Amino acid sequence: MTTAVLSAMIRPLVEPRLPDWVEPHWFMSKEEALELAPRAEIGWFDFAQHAPMAEVVTAATNLKWLNSIYAGLDFLPLDLLAERGTVVTNGAGINALTIAEYVVLLMLAHAKGYAEVVRAMDRHEWLLDSPGKRELAGERVLLLGMGAIGGLVKTRLEGFDMEVVPVRRSGADGALRPGEWRARLGEFDWVVLAVPSTPETRHMIGAEELAAMKSSAVLVNIARGDVVDQSALIEALRSKSIEGALLDVTDPEPLPEDHPLWTLENAQITMHLSGRAQTKMFQRSADRFIANLERWKRGEPVEPRLDLELGY
């Protein structure tokens, strides 16, 4: 038997489907998880806060495989997990569909001035013209990040007859290579960020990149707040050197109440809600975990596997 210590949050979706070689132990609190953790060979230790997860992972000294619903796990002791030889599967792609839908929502809302439509409705005011007249069809999109989210963003925007140019190492199929996109920024109407947060991507959009964009260009960030130099972005928005920024993520989060981003009319802030605008996240996570259990038993790779050195 293999001992698995699992969050009771996922129990109704997982327990009826567990194979008979798994001995499950369920926890409902950090204290229960800490008591069970040393026995765990397989662990699913998700909490709403990061600190308890890191504490329980540290206590799980016999852990062979750690599973999580979270995509970003840089708050965990990754060096310790690597030292122990623990395999880690994360939630990459679990919410890719809803995040891709959110990108379309943000872009359409900006193009049609929909925020002003809602404000007029709140005022009971009948507008005689559309506050936004931009059409997505025919516009060009630079897509940075071609993982699960980026791939779905691309197909959805192409459904609106947009030309989407991704960045790929190979440069295949019309993509730009990583060393080429900065010189081409001025060719795009939209720049969509869907990259992981790493030392290499931190502030990849800064003052120089913003200055190279069209004055009518819009930045869309559904990646992480730190991939954009926020001070430089605020200056670009204030000076209107770009048309706008659609930000599902900020740095820090939550954004302080007195932060200047809140006051900029050409910035939309959606409070990191894109991945939460769904109903099937836990079902998808449970399905993936059950499928991975069968792979684990057969000695096959579980997926998606976190690179403990890169952190994603």
C-alpha atoms as a PDB file:
ATOM      1  CA  MET A   1       0.000   0.000   0.000  1.00  0.00           C
ATOM      2  CA  THR A   2       1.063   3.569  -0.764  1.00  0.00           C
ATOM      3  CA  THR A   3       0.188   6.204   1.832  1.00  0.00           C
ATOM      4  CA  ALA A   4      -1.399   9.344   0.420  1.00  0.00           C
ATOM      5  CA  VAL A   5      -2.143  12.415   2.538  1.00  0.00           C
ATOM      6  CA  LEU A   6      -4.758  14.513   0.817  1.00  0.00           C
ATOM      7  CA  SER A   7      -6.820  17.614   1.417  1.00  0.00           C
ATOM      8  CA  ALA A   8     -10.418  16.856   2.420  1.00  0.00           C
ATOM      9  CA  MET A   9     -11.427  19.668   0.050  1.00  0.00           C
ATOM     10  CA  ILE A  10     -10.954  17.313  -2.897  1.00  0.00           C
ATOM     11  CA  ARG A  11     -12.228  14.179  -1.142  1.00  0.00           C
ATOM     12  CA  PRO A  12     -15.706  13.895  -2.765  1.00  0.00           C
ATOM     13  CA  LEU A  13     -14.176  14.029  -6.244  1.00  0.00           C
ATOM     14  CA  VAL A  14     -11.281  11.668  -5.548  1.00  0.00           C
ATOM     15  CA  GLU A  15     -12.163   9.078  -2.902  1.00  0.00           C
ATOM     16  CA  PRO A  16     -14.646   6.978  -4.949  1.00  0.00           C
ATOM     17  CA  ARG A  17     -12.058   6.660  -7.726  1.00  0.00           C
ATOM     18  CA  LEU A  18      -8.921   5.810  -5.750  1.00  0.00           C
ATOM     19  CA  PRO A  19      -7.230   2.524  -6.725  1.00  0.00           C
ATOM     20  CA  ASP A  20      -6.967  -0.149  -4.063  1.00  0.00           C
ATOM     21  CA  TRP A  21      -3.187   0.235  -3.717  1.00  0.00           C
ATOM     22  CA  VAL A  22      -3.610   3.756  -2.259  1.00  0.00           C
ATOM     23  CA  GLU A  23      -4.191   4.192   1.474  1.00  0.00           C
ATOM     24  CA  PRO A  24      -5.704   7.681   1.829  1.00  0.00           C
ATOM     25  CA  HIS A  25      -5.528   9.930   4.882  1.00  0.00           C
ATOM     26  CA  TRP A  26      -7.548  13.155   4.780  1.00  0.00           C
ATOM     27  CA  PHE A  27      -6.876  16.408   6.591  1.00  0.00           C
ATOM     28  CA  MET A  28      -9.029  19.473   7.218  1.00  0.00           C
ATOM     29  CA  SER A  29      -6.536  21.738   8.992  1.00  0.00           C
ATOM     30  CA  LYS A  30      -2.864  22.595   9.022  1.00  0.00           C
ATOM     31  CA  GLU A  31      -2.480  20.791  12.354  1.00  0.00           C
ATOM     32  CA  GLU A  32      -3.944  17.570  10.936  1.00  0.00           C
ATOM     33  CA  ALA A  33      -1.764  17.874   7.836  1.00  0.00           C
ATOM     34  CA  LEU A  34       1.390  18.375   9.917  1.00  0.00           C
ATOM     35  CA  GLU A  35       0.584  15.269  11.983  1.00  0.00           C
ATOM     36  CA  LEU A  36       0.058  13.136   8.881  1.00  0.00           C
ATOM     37  CA  ALA A  37       2.790  14.639   6.691  1.00  0.00           C
ATOM     38  CA  PRO A  38       5.763  12.435   7.767  1.00  0.00           C
ATOM     39  CA  ARG A  39       3.797   9.325   6.661  1.00  0.00           C
ATOM     40  CA  ALA A  40       2.997  10.671   3.196  1.00  0.00           C
ATOM     41  CA  GLU A  41       4.513   9.095   0.104  1.00  0.00           C
ATOM     42  CA  ILE A  42       2.022  11.002  -2.053  1.00  0.00           C
ATOM     43  CA  GLY A  43       0.835  14.390  -0.843  1.00  0.00           C
ATOM     44  CA  TRP A  44      -1.732  16.983  -1.914  1.00  0.00           C
ATOM     45  CA  PHE A  45      -1.250  19.762   0.643  1.00  0.00           C
ATOM     46  CA  ASP A  46      -3.061  22.751  -0.853  1.00  0.00           C
ATOM     47  CA  PHE A  47      -4.197  25.568   1.421  1.00  0.00           C
ATOM     48  CA  ALA A  48      -5.524  29.016   0.599  1.00  0.00           C
ATOM     49  CA  GLN A  49      -2.353  30.556   2.075  1.00  0.00           C
ATOM     50  CA  HIS A  50       1.192  29.746   1.063  1.00  0.00           C
ATOM     51  CA  ALA A  51       2.864  29.521   4.482  1.00  0.00           C
ATOM     52  CA  PRO A  52       0.966  26.433   5.747  1.00  0.00           C
ATOM     53  CA  MET A  53       1.708  24.600   2.495  1.00  0.00           C
ATOM     54  CA  ALA A  54       5.422  25.254   2.827  1.00  0.00           C
ATOM     55  CA  GLU A  55       5.351  24.152   6.459  1.00  0.00           C
ATOM     56  CA  VAL A  56       3.575  20.872   5.690  1.00  0.00           C
ATOM     57  CA  VAL A  57       5.833  20.122   2.707  1.00  0.00           C
ATOM     58  CA  THR A  58       8.884  20.617   4.910  1.00  0.00           C
ATOM     59  CA  ALA A  59       7.453  18.136   7.431  1.00  0.00           C
ATOM     60  CA  ALA A  60       6.755  15.517   4.738  1.00  0.00           C
ATOM     61  CA  THR A  61      10.164  13.853   4.971  1.00  0.00           C
ATOM     62  CA  ASN A  62       9.159  10.672   3.089  1.00  0.00           C
ATOM     63  CA  LEU A  63       7.350  12.403   0.250  1.00  0.00           C
ATOM     64  CA  LYS A  64       7.916  10.863  -3.172  1.00  0.00           C
ATOM     65  CA  TRP A  65       5.326  12.817  -5.147  1.00  0.00           C
ATOM     66  CA  LEU A  66       3.740  16.175  -4.344  1.00  0.00           C
ATOM     67  CA  ASN A  67       0.643  17.279  -6.256  1.00  0.00           C
ATOM     68  CA  SER A  68      -0.879  20.768  -6.236  1.00  0.00           C
ATOM     69  CA  ILE A  69      -3.682  22.654  -7.912  1.00  0.00           C
ATOM     70  CA  TYR A  70      -1.463  25.768  -8.028  1.00  0.00           C
ATOM     71  CA  ALA A  71       0.573  26.507 -11.153  1.00  0.00           C
ATOM     72  CA  GLY A  72       3.143  28.727  -9.440  1.00  0.00           C
ATOM     73  CA  LEU A  73       4.893  26.981  -6.533  1.00  0.00           C
ATOM     74  CA  ASP A  74       7.917  29.227  -6.051  1.00  0.00           C
ATOM     75  CA  PHE A  75       6.816  29.792  -2.420  1.00  0.00           C
ATOM     76  CA  LEU A  76       7.627  26.160  -1.561  1.00  0.00           C
ATOM     77  CA  PRO A  77      11.107  24.937  -0.464  1.00  0.00           C
ATOM     78  CA  LEU A  78      12.002  23.779  -3.978  1.00  0.00           C
ATOM     79  CA  ASP A  79      15.669  23.196  -3.086  1.00  0.00           C
ATOM     80  CA  LEU A  80      14.611  20.851  -0.301  1.00  0.00           C
ATOM     81  CA  LEU A  81      12.237  18.982  -2.596  1.00  0.00           C
ATOM     82  CA  ALA A  82      15.011  18.604  -5.182  1.00  0.00           C
ATOM     83  CA  GLU A  83      17.402  17.349  -2.495  1.00  0.00           C
ATOM     84  CA  ARG A  84      14.842  14.741  -1.425  1.00  0.00           C
ATOM     85  CA  GLY A  85      14.178  13.693  -5.015  1.00  0.00           C
ATOM     86  CA  THR A  86      10.483  14.534  -4.755  1.00  0.00           C
ATOM     87  CA  VAL A  87       8.507  14.664  -7.987  1.00  0.00           C
ATOM     88  CA  VAL A  88       6.167  17.672  -8.140  1.00  0.00           C
ATOM     89  CA  THR A  89       3.110  18.034 -10.372  1.00  0.00           C
ATOM     90  CA  ASN A  90       1.407  21.411 -10.459  1.00  0.00           C
ATOM     91  CA  GLY A  91      -1.792  22.949 -11.793  1.00  0.00           C
ATOM     92  CA  ALA A  92      -0.345  24.286 -15.032  1.00  0.00           C
ATOM     93  CA  GLY A  93      -3.088  24.464 -17.625  1.00  0.00           C
ATOM     94  CA  ILE A  94      -5.929  23.623 -15.206  1.00  0.00           C
ATOM     95  CA  ASN A  95      -7.464  27.063 -15.722  1.00  0.00           C
ATOM     96  CA  ALA A  96      -6.039  27.774 -19.172  1.00  0.00           C
ATOM     97  CA  LEU A  97      -9.482  27.745 -20.776  1.00  0.00           C
ATOM     98  CA  THR A  98     -11.050  30.328 -18.483  1.00  0.00           C
ATOM     99  CA  ILE A  99      -7.944  32.554 -18.547  1.00  0.00           C
ATOM    100  CA  ALA A 100      -7.972  32.507 -22.350  1.00  0.00           C
ATOM    101  CA  GLU A 101     -11.648  33.483 -22.278  1.00  0.00           C
ATOM    102  CA  TYR A 102     -10.763  36.320 -19.935  1.00  0.00           C
ATOM    103  CA  VAL A 103      -8.209  37.665 -22.424  1.00  0.00           C
ATOM    104  CA  VAL A 104     -10.953  37.902 -25.055  1.00  0.00           C
ATOM    105  CA  LEU A 105     -13.253  39.552 -22.504  1.00  0.00           C
ATOM    106  CA  LEU A 106     -10.664  42.184 -21.591  1.00  0.00           C
ATOM    107  CA  MET A 107      -9.799  42.979 -25.191  1.00  0.00           C
ATOM    108  CA  LEU A 108     -13.424  43.281 -26.301  1.00  0.00           C
ATOM    109  CA  ALA A 109     -14.318  45.386 -23.262  1.00  0.00           C
ATOM    110  CA  HIS A 110     -11.477  47.784 -24.074  1.00  0.00           C
ATOM    111  CA  ALA A 111     -12.197  47.905 -27.796  1.00  0.00           C
ATOM    112  CA  LYS A 112     -15.867  48.738 -27.275  1.00  0.00           C
ATOM    113  CA  GLY A 113     -15.444  51.000 -24.240  1.00  0.00           C
ATOM    114  CA  TYR A 114     -17.681  48.677 -22.280  1.00  0.00           C
ATOM    115  CA  ALA A 115     -16.710  50.054 -18.875  1.00  0.00           C
ATOM    116  CA  GLU A 116     -18.303  53.366 -19.863  1.00  0.00           C
ATOM    117  CA  VAL A 117     -21.408  51.535 -21.082  1.00  0.00           C
ATOM    118  CA  VAL A 118     -21.792  49.964 -17.626  1.00  0.00           C
ATOM    119  CA  ARG A 119     -21.250  53.326 -15.924  1.00  0.00           C
ATOM    120  CA  ALA A 120     -23.910  54.902 -18.136  1.00  0.00           C
ATOM    121  CA  MET A 121     -26.304  52.091 -17.238  1.00  0.00           C
ATOM    122  CA  ASP A 122     -25.653  52.737 -13.548  1.00  0.00           C
ATOM    123  CA  ARG A 123     -26.522  56.411 -14.182  1.00  0.00           C
ATOM    124  CA  HIS A 124     -29.674  55.380 -16.105  1.00  0.00           C
ATOM    125  CA  GLU A 125     -28.252  57.311 -19.053  1.00  0.00           C
ATOM    126  CA  TRP A 126     -29.101  56.263 -22.625  1.00  0.00           C
ATOM    127  CA  LEU A 127     -25.926  56.651 -24.706  1.00  0.00           C
ATOM    128  CA  LEU A 128     -26.403  57.797 -28.291  1.00  0.00           C
ATOM    129  CA  ASP A 129     -23.070  56.415 -29.522  1.00  0.00           C
ATOM    130  CA  SER A 130     -20.629  53.695 -28.612  1.00  0.00           C
ATOM    131  CA  PRO A 131     -17.775  54.902 -26.356  1.00  0.00           C
ATOM    132  CA  GLY A 132     -15.486  52.444 -28.126  1.00  0.00           C
ATOM    133  CA  LYS A 133     -15.274  51.815 -31.861  1.00  0.00           C
ATOM    134  CA  ARG A 134     -12.203  49.652 -32.158  1.00  0.00           C
ATOM    135  CA  GLU A 135     -12.552  46.367 -34.088  1.00  0.00           C
ATOM    136  CA  LEU A 136     -10.397  43.356 -33.262  1.00  0.00           C
ATOM    137  CA  ALA A 137     -10.539  41.912 -36.780  1.00  0.00           C
ATOM    138  CA  GLY A 138      -7.388  42.616 -38.755  1.00  0.00           C
ATOM    139  CA  GLU A 139      -5.324  43.815 -35.792  1.00  0.00           C
ATOM    140  CA  ARG A 140      -1.968  42.243 -34.931  1.00  0.00           C
ATOM    141  CA  VAL A 141      -1.164  40.581 -31.604  1.00  0.00           C
ATOM    142  CA  LEU A 142       2.271  39.769 -30.203  1.00  0.00           C
ATOM    143  CA  LEU A 143       1.859  36.774 -27.895  1.00  0.00           C
ATOM    144  CA  LEU A 144       4.619  36.200 -25.350  1.00  0.00           C
ATOM    145  CA  GLY A 145       4.165  32.764 -23.806  1.00  0.00           C
ATOM    146  CA  MET A 146       2.992  29.709 -25.737  1.00  0.00           C
ATOM    147  CA  GLY A 147       2.172  27.300 -22.947  1.00  0.00           C
ATOM    148  CA  ALA A 148      -1.297  25.918 -22.288  1.00  0.00           C
ATOM    149  CA  ILE A 149      -2.759  29.398 -21.791  1.00  0.00           C
ATOM    150  CA  GLY A 150      -0.987  30.993 -24.731  1.00  0.00           C
ATOM    151  CA  GLY A 151      -2.064  28.242 -27.109  1.00  0.00           C
ATOM    152  CA  LEU A 152      -5.726  28.732 -26.213  1.00  0.00           C
ATOM    153  CA  VAL A 153      -5.411  32.527 -26.399  1.00  0.00           C
ATOM    154  CA  LYS A 154      -4.010  32.207 -29.907  1.00  0.00           C
ATOM    155  CA  THR A 155      -6.848  30.091 -31.291  1.00  0.00           C
ATOM    156  CA  ARG A 156      -9.525  32.259 -29.700  1.00  0.00           C
ATOM    157  CA  LEU A 157      -8.098  35.520 -31.010  1.00  0.00           C
ATOM    158  CA  GLU A 158      -7.655  33.996 -34.446  1.00  0.00           C
ATOM    159  CA  GLY A 159     -11.387  33.260 -34.286  1.00  0.00           C
ATOM    160  CA  PHE A 160     -11.850  37.039 -34.278  1.00  0.00           C
ATOM    161  CA  ASP A 161      -9.728  37.299 -37.448  1.00  0.00           C
ATOM    162  CA  MET A 162      -6.776  38.724 -35.579  1.00  0.00           C
ATOM    163  CA  GLU A 163      -3.210  37.993 -36.691  1.00  0.00           C
ATOM    164  CA  VAL A 164      -1.442  36.403 -33.721  1.00  0.00           C
ATOM    165  CA  VAL A 165       2.356  36.194 -33.793  1.00  0.00           C
ATOM    166  CA  PRO A 166       3.788  34.101 -30.961  1.00  0.00           C
ATOM    167  CA  VAL A 167       7.348  33.984 -29.694  1.00  0.00           C
ATOM    168  CA  ARG A 168       8.963  30.553 -29.942  1.00  0.00           C
ATOM    169  CA  ARG A 169      12.546  29.405 -29.657  1.00  0.00           C
ATOM    170  CA  SER A 170      12.279  27.631 -33.018  1.00  0.00           C
ATOM    171  CA  GLY A 171      10.795  30.581 -34.884  1.00  0.00           C
ATOM    172  CA  ALA A 172       8.621  28.048 -36.728  1.00  0.00           C
ATOM    173  CA  ASP A 173       5.230  28.758 -38.321  1.00  0.00           C
ATOM    174  CA  GLY A 174       5.682  32.511 -38.491  1.00  0.00           C
ATOM    175  CA  ALA A 175       6.736  32.904 -34.850  1.00  0.00           C
ATOM    176  CA  LEU A 176       9.420  35.303 -33.690  1.00  0.00           C
ATOM    177  CA  ARG A 177      12.466  34.004 -31.854  1.00  0.00           C
ATOM    178  CA  PRO A 178      13.166  35.199 -28.296  1.00  0.00           C
ATOM    179  CA  GLY A 179      15.833  37.603 -29.514  1.00  0.00           C
ATOM    180  CA  GLU A 180      13.641  39.170 -32.208  1.00  0.00           C
ATOM    181  CA  TRP A 181      10.429  40.448 -30.642  1.00  0.00           C
ATOM    182  CA  ARG A 182      11.752  43.607 -29.019  1.00  0.00           C
ATOM    183  CA  ALA A 183      12.852  45.045 -32.348  1.00  0.00           C
ATOM    184  CA  ARG A 184       9.394  44.341 -33.781  1.00  0.00           C
ATOM    185  CA  LEU A 185       7.226  45.765 -30.973  1.00  0.00           C
ATOM    186  CA  GLY A 186       6.156  48.741 -33.052  1.00  0.00           C
ATOM    187  CA  GLU A 187       4.378  46.446 -35.514  1.00  0.00           C
ATOM    188  CA  PHE A 188       1.716  45.232 -33.077  1.00  0.00           C
ATOM    189  CA  ASP A 189      -1.613  46.596 -31.894  1.00  0.00           C
ATOM    190  CA  TRP A 190      -1.751  44.349 -28.820  1.00  0.00           C
ATOM    191  CA  VAL A 191       0.943  42.737 -26.663  1.00  0.00           C
ATOM    192  CA  VAL A 192      -0.310  39.783 -24.598  1.00  0.00           C
ATOM    193  CA  LEU A 193       1.826  38.402 -21.759  1.00  0.00           C
ATOM    194  CA  ALA A 194       1.304  34.755 -20.783  1.00  0.00           C
ATOM    195  CA  VAL A 195       4.783  33.856 -19.533  1.00  0.00           C
ATOM    196  CA  PRO A 196       5.796  32.317 -16.194  1.00  0.00           C
ATOM    197  CA  SER A 197       7.434  34.460 -13.522  1.00  0.00           C
ATOM    198  CA  THR A 198      11.168  33.723 -13.538  1.00  0.00           C
ATOM    199  CA  PRO A 199      14.347  35.767 -13.087  1.00  0.00           C
ATOM    200  CA  GLU A 200      14.544  35.914 -16.899  1.00  0.00           C
ATOM    201  CA  THR A 201      11.016  37.279 -17.350  1.00  0.00           C
ATOM    202  CA  ARG A 202      11.089  39.787 -14.473  1.00  0.00           C
ATOM    203  CA  HIS A 203      10.472  43.279 -15.919  1.00  0.00           C
ATOM    204  CA  MET A 204      10.694  41.932 -19.465  1.00  0.00           C
ATOM    205  CA  ILE A 205       8.368  44.808 -20.337  1.00  0.00           C
ATOM    206  CA  GLY A 206      10.040  47.986 -19.124  1.00  0.00           C
ATOM    207  CA  ALA A 207      10.495  51.594 -20.196  1.00  0.00           C
ATOM    208  CA  GLU A 208      12.340  50.709 -23.424  1.00  0.00           C
ATOM    209  CA  GLU A 209       9.773  48.141 -24.514  1.00  0.00           C
ATOM    210  CA  LEU A 210       6.855  50.454 -23.732  1.00  0.00           C
ATOM    211  CA  ALA A 211       8.504  53.281 -25.656  1.00  0.00           C
ATOM    212  CA  ALA A 212       8.893  50.978 -28.676  1.00  0.00           C
ATOM    213  CA  MET A 213       5.173  50.147 -28.793  1.00  0.00           C
ATOM    214  CA  LYS A 214       2.617  51.983 -30.906  1.00  0.00           C
ATOM    215  CA  SER A 215       0.805  54.877 -29.254  1.00  0.00           C
ATOM    216  CA  SER A 216      -2.399  52.941 -30.023  1.00  0.00           C
ATOM    217  CA  ALA A 217      -1.048  49.667 -28.597  1.00  0.00           C
ATOM    218  CA  VAL A 218      -2.614  47.897 -25.609  1.00  0.00           C
ATOM    219  CA  LEU A 219      -0.715  45.734 -23.130  1.00  0.00           C
ATOM    220  CA  VAL A 220      -2.568  42.685 -21.736  1.00  0.00           C
ATOM    221  CA  ASN A 221      -0.999  40.937 -18.746  1.00  0.00           C
ATOM    222  CA  ILE A 222      -2.472  37.652 -17.512  1.00  0.00           C
ATOM    223  CA  ALA A 223       0.953  36.295 -16.513  1.00  0.00           C
ATOM    224  CA  ARG A 224       2.401  37.690 -13.267  1.00  0.00           C
ATOM    225  CA  GLY A 225       2.675  41.264 -12.086  1.00  0.00           C
ATOM    226  CA  ASP A 226       6.465  41.268 -11.914  1.00  0.00           C
ATOM    227  CA  VAL A 227       6.963  40.593 -15.630  1.00  0.00           C
ATOM    228  CA  VAL A 228       6.131  44.288 -16.142  1.00  0.00           C
ATOM    229  CA  ASP A 229       8.067  47.200 -14.662  1.00  0.00           C
ATOM    230  CA  GLN A 230       5.005  48.753 -13.045  1.00  0.00           C
ATOM    231  CA  SER A 231       6.564  52.183 -12.466  1.00  0.00           C
ATOM    232  CA  ALA A 232       7.464  52.399 -16.148  1.00  0.00           C
ATOM    233  CA  LEU A 233       3.966  51.266 -17.094  1.00  0.00           C
ATOM    234  CA  ILE A 234       2.336  53.936 -14.941  1.00  0.00           C
ATOM    235  CA  GLU A 235       4.458  56.593 -16.631  1.00  0.00           C
ATOM    236  CA  ALA A 236       3.570  55.258 -20.092  1.00  0.00           C
ATOM    237  CA  LEU A 237      -0.123  55.306 -19.239  1.00  0.00           C
ATOM    238  CA  ARG A 238       0.022  58.792 -17.746  1.00  0.00           C
ATOM    239  CA  SER A 239       1.828  60.177 -20.794  1.00  0.00           C
ATOM    240  CA  LYS A 240      -0.433  58.130 -23.106  1.00  0.00           C
ATOM    241  CA  SER A 241       2.572  56.755 -24.966  1.00  0.00           C
ATOM    242  CA  ILE A 242       0.470  53.569 -25.186  1.00  0.00           C
ATOM    243  CA  GLU A 243      -3.323  53.433 -25.366  1.00  0.00           C
ATOM    244  CA  GLY A 244      -3.971  51.218 -22.396  1.00  0.00           C
ATOM    245  CA  ALA A 245      -3.123  48.307 -20.139  1.00  0.00           C
ATOM    246  CA  LEU A 246      -5.441  45.434 -19.220  1.00  0.00           C
ATOM    247  CA  LEU A 247      -4.055  43.948 -16.027  1.00  0.00           C
ATOM    248  CA  ASP A 248      -5.368  40.791 -14.429  1.00  0.00           C
ATOM    249  CA  VAL A 249      -2.181  40.747 -12.339  1.00  0.00           C
ATOM    250  CA  THR A 250      -0.273  43.457 -10.499  1.00  0.00           C
ATOM    251  CA  ASP A 251       2.774  43.834  -8.299  1.00  0.00           C
ATOM    252  CA  PRO A 252       2.002  43.614  -5.400  1.00  0.00           C
ATOM    253  CA  GLU A 253      -1.256  41.747  -4.938  1.00  0.00           C
ATOM    254  CA  PRO A 254      -3.646  42.816  -3.591  1.00  0.00           C
ATOM    255  CA  LEU A 255      -2.958  46.250  -5.035  1.00  0.00           C
ATOM    256  CA  PRO A 256      -2.949  48.825  -2.196  1.00  0.00           C
ATOM    257  CA  GLU A 257      -6.046  51.011  -2.062  1.00  0.00           C
ATOM    258  CA  ASP A 258      -4.021  54.187  -2.660  1.00  0.00           C
ATOM    259  CA  HIS A 259      -1.947  52.795  -5.550  1.00  0.00           C
ATOM    260  CA  PRO A 260      -1.837  55.117  -8.597  1.00  0.00           C
ATOM    261  CA  LEU A 261      -2.855  52.347 -11.000  1.00  0.00           C
ATOM    262  CA  TRP A 262      -6.410  52.507  -9.646  1.00  0.00           C
ATOM    263  CA  THR A 263      -6.763  56.125 -10.769  1.00  0.00           C
ATOM    264  CA  LEU A 264      -5.640  55.735 -14.387  1.00  0.00           C
ATOM    265  CA  GLU A 265      -8.549  55.734 -16.828  1.00  0.00           C
ATOM    266  CA  ASN A 266      -6.555  53.809 -19.437  1.00  0.00           C
ATOM    267  CA  ALA A 267      -5.833  50.905 -17.072  1.00  0.00           C
ATOM    268  CA  GLN A 268      -8.256  48.071 -16.330  1.00  0.00           C
ATOM    269  CA  ILE A 269      -7.521  45.993 -13.226  1.00  0.00           C
ATOM    270  CA  THR A 270      -9.332  42.692 -12.777  1.00  0.00           C
ATOM    271  CA  MET A 271      -7.798  41.548  -9.466  1.00  0.00           C
ATOM    272  CA  HIS A 272      -6.317  38.231 -10.647  1.00  0.00           C
ATOM    273  CA  LEU A 273      -9.809  36.873 -11.248  1.00  0.00           C
ATOM    274  CA  SER A 274      -9.215  35.250 -14.638  1.00  0.00           C
ATOM    275  CA  GLY A 275      -8.360  31.840 -13.211  1.00  0.00           C
ATOM    276  CA  ARG A 276     -11.242  32.021 -10.736  1.00  0.00           C
ATOM    277  CA  ALA A 277     -13.932  32.650 -13.346  1.00  0.00           C
ATOM    278  CA  GLN A 278     -14.778  28.963 -13.696  1.00  0.00           C
ATOM    279  CA  THR A 279     -16.778  26.140 -12.167  1.00  0.00           C
ATOM    280  CA  LYS A 280     -14.784  23.024 -13.078  1.00  0.00           C
ATOM    281  CA  MET A 281     -11.276  23.637 -11.689  1.00  0.00           C
ATOM    282  CA  PHE A 282     -11.554  21.042  -8.931  1.00  0.00           C
ATOM    283  CA  GLN A 283     -13.103  18.471 -11.256  1.00  0.00           C
ATOM    284  CA  ARG A 284     -10.285  18.944 -13.765  1.00  0.00           C
ATOM    285  CA  SER A 285      -7.709  18.705 -10.965  1.00  0.00           C
ATOM    286  CA  ALA A 286      -9.264  15.507  -9.609  1.00  0.00           C
ATOM    287  CA  ASP A 287      -9.384  13.929 -13.077  1.00  0.00           C
ATOM    288  CA  ARG A 288      -5.725  14.776 -13.654  1.00  0.00           C
ATOM    289  CA  PHE A 289      -4.705  13.361 -10.264  1.00  0.00           C
ATOM    290  CA  ILE A 290      -6.514  10.058 -10.820  1.00  0.00           C
ATOM    291  CA  ALA A 291      -4.945   9.689 -14.266  1.00  0.00           C
ATOM    292  CA  ASN A 292      -1.531  10.440 -12.777  1.00  0.00           C
ATOM    293  CA  LEU A 293      -2.010   7.782 -10.081  1.00  0.00           C
ATOM    294  CA  GLU A 294      -2.274   5.143 -12.803  1.00  0.00           C
ATOM    295  CA  ARG A 295       0.874   6.487 -14.477  1.00  0.00           C
ATOM    296  CA  TRP A 296       2.685   6.506 -11.131  1.00  0.00           C
ATOM    297  CA  LYS A 297       1.776   2.872 -10.501  1.00  0.00           C
ATOM    298  CA  ARG A 298       3.078   1.865 -13.944  1.00  0.00           C
ATOM    299  CA  GLY A 299       6.310   3.787 -13.435  1.00  0.00           C
ATOM    300  CA  GLU A 300       5.435   6.311 -16.145  1.00  0.00           C
ATOM    301  CA  PRO A 301       6.025  10.076 -15.877  1.00  0.00           C
ATOM    302  CA  VAL A 302       3.293  12.074 -14.129  1.00  0.00           C
ATOM    303  CA  GLU A 303       2.348  15.418 -15.618  1.00  0.00           C
ATOM    304  CA  PRO A 304       2.596  18.339 -15.773  1.00  0.00           C
ATOM    305  CA  ARG A 305       5.878  18.033 -13.912  1.00  0.00           C
ATOM    306  CA  LEU A 306       7.353  21.101 -12.232  1.00  0.00           C
ATOM    307  CA  ASP A 307      10.977  21.873 -13.040  1.00  0.00           C
ATOM    308  CA  LEU A 308      12.371  22.412  -9.552  1.00  0.00           C
ATOM    309  CA  GLU A 309      15.277  24.502 -10.855  1.00  0.00           C
ATOM    310  CA  LEU A 310      13.177  26.824 -12.991  1.00  0.00           C
ATOM    311  CA  GLY A 311      10.233  26.927 -10.579  1.00  0.00           C
ATOM    312  CA  TYR A 312       7.532  26.266 -13.205  1.00  0.00           C
END
